[in-house]
Amino acid sequence: MPDISVLSFEAAFAELEQIIVRLDAGDLALDESVTLYERGRALSERCQTLLDSAELRVSRLSENGDMQAL
């Protein structure tokens, strides 16, 4: 599995979706479920961090007048 800290938003989100599908299926051993859950939480945090960063960049652009009204 790739290091979460280098994943793009799209890659992290796609992997998170796959984990959710696998966990929802309910046919995993407990250890595997816990491991996938932990990775899913980390992927979710990565996605949120990237979204927060993008939001901050857009806000800064708006404040500086570098962006036309959306």
Protein backbone atom coordinates (compact mmCIF):
# COMPACT_ATOMS: atom_id res chain seq x y z
CA MET A 1 0.00 0.00 0.00
CA PRO A 2 1.31 3.45 -0.85
CA ASP A 3 2.21 5.93 1.85
CA ILE A 4 -0.92 7.96 2.56
CA SER A 5 1.01 11.22 2.93
CA VAL A 6 1.92 11.24 -0.76
CA LEU A 7 -1.51 10.34 -2.16
CA SER A 8 -3.50 12.88 -4.12
CA PHE A 9 -7.03 13.62 -3.00
CA GLU A 10 -8.44 11.53 -5.83
CA ALA A 11 -6.23 8.53 -5.06
CA ALA A 12 -6.93 8.69 -1.32
CA PHE A 13 -10.67 9.04 -1.90
CA ALA A 14 -10.74 6.13 -4.37
CA GLU A 15 -8.91 3.88 -1.91
CA LEU A 16 -11.22 4.98 0.88
CA GLU A 17 -14.23 4.04 -1.24
CA GLN A 18 -12.75 0.59 -1.86
CA ILE A 19 -12.17 0.09 1.86
CA ILE A 20 -15.76 1.05 2.62
CA VAL A 21 -17.06 -1.48 0.11
CA ARG A 22 -14.88 -4.22 1.61
CA LEU A 23 -15.92 -3.38 5.16
CA ASP A 24 -19.60 -3.20 4.20
CA ALA A 25 -19.39 -6.68 2.69
CA GLY A 26 -18.75 -7.98 6.19
CA ASP A 27 -16.79 -11.06 5.14
CA LEU A 28 -13.41 -10.09 6.59
CA ALA A 29 -11.60 -11.45 9.59
CA LEU A 30 -11.59 -9.17 12.62
CA ASP A 31 -7.89 -8.31 12.32
CA GLU A 32 -8.26 -7.40 8.66
CA SER A 33 -11.36 -5.32 9.39
CA VAL A 34 -9.53 -3.36 12.08
CA THR A 35 -6.52 -2.81 9.83
CA LEU A 36 -8.74 -1.59 6.98
CA TYR A 37 -10.69 0.64 9.36
CA GLU A 38 -7.47 2.23 10.60
CA ARG A 39 -6.27 2.85 7.05
CA GLY A 40 -9.68 4.24 6.15
CA ARG A 41 -9.50 6.71 9.03
CA ALA A 42 -6.04 7.83 7.91
CA LEU A 43 -7.26 8.19 4.32
CA SER A 44 -10.24 10.22 5.51
CA GLU A 45 -7.91 12.53 7.45
CA ARG A 46 -5.69 12.91 4.36
CA CYS A 47 -8.69 13.85 2.23
CA GLN A 48 -9.84 16.39 4.82
CA THR A 49 -6.37 17.92 5.05
CA LEU A 50 -6.19 18.30 1.28
CA LEU A 51 -9.69 19.83 1.15
CA ASP A 52 -8.81 22.26 3.92
CA SER A 53 -5.66 23.26 2.07
CA ALA A 54 -7.56 23.84 -1.17
CA GLU A 55 -10.19 25.89 0.66
CA LEU A 56 -7.50 28.03 2.26
CA ARG A 57 -5.84 28.64 -1.11
CA VAL A 58 -9.15 29.71 -2.66
CA SER A 59 -9.88 32.00 0.28
CA ARG A 60 -6.48 33.63 -0.05
CA LEU A 61 -6.98 34.16 -3.75
CA SER A 62 -10.38 35.71 -3.11
CA GLU A 63 -9.02 38.01 -0.42
CA ASN A 64 -6.18 39.16 -2.66
CA GLY A 65 -8.56 39.94 -5.50
CA ASP A 66 -6.75 37.46 -7.74
CA MET A 67 -9.95 35.63 -8.51
CA GLN A 68 -13.14 36.78 -10.16
CA ALA A 69 -16.43 36.15 -8.37
CA LEU A 70 -17.42 32.53 -8.50
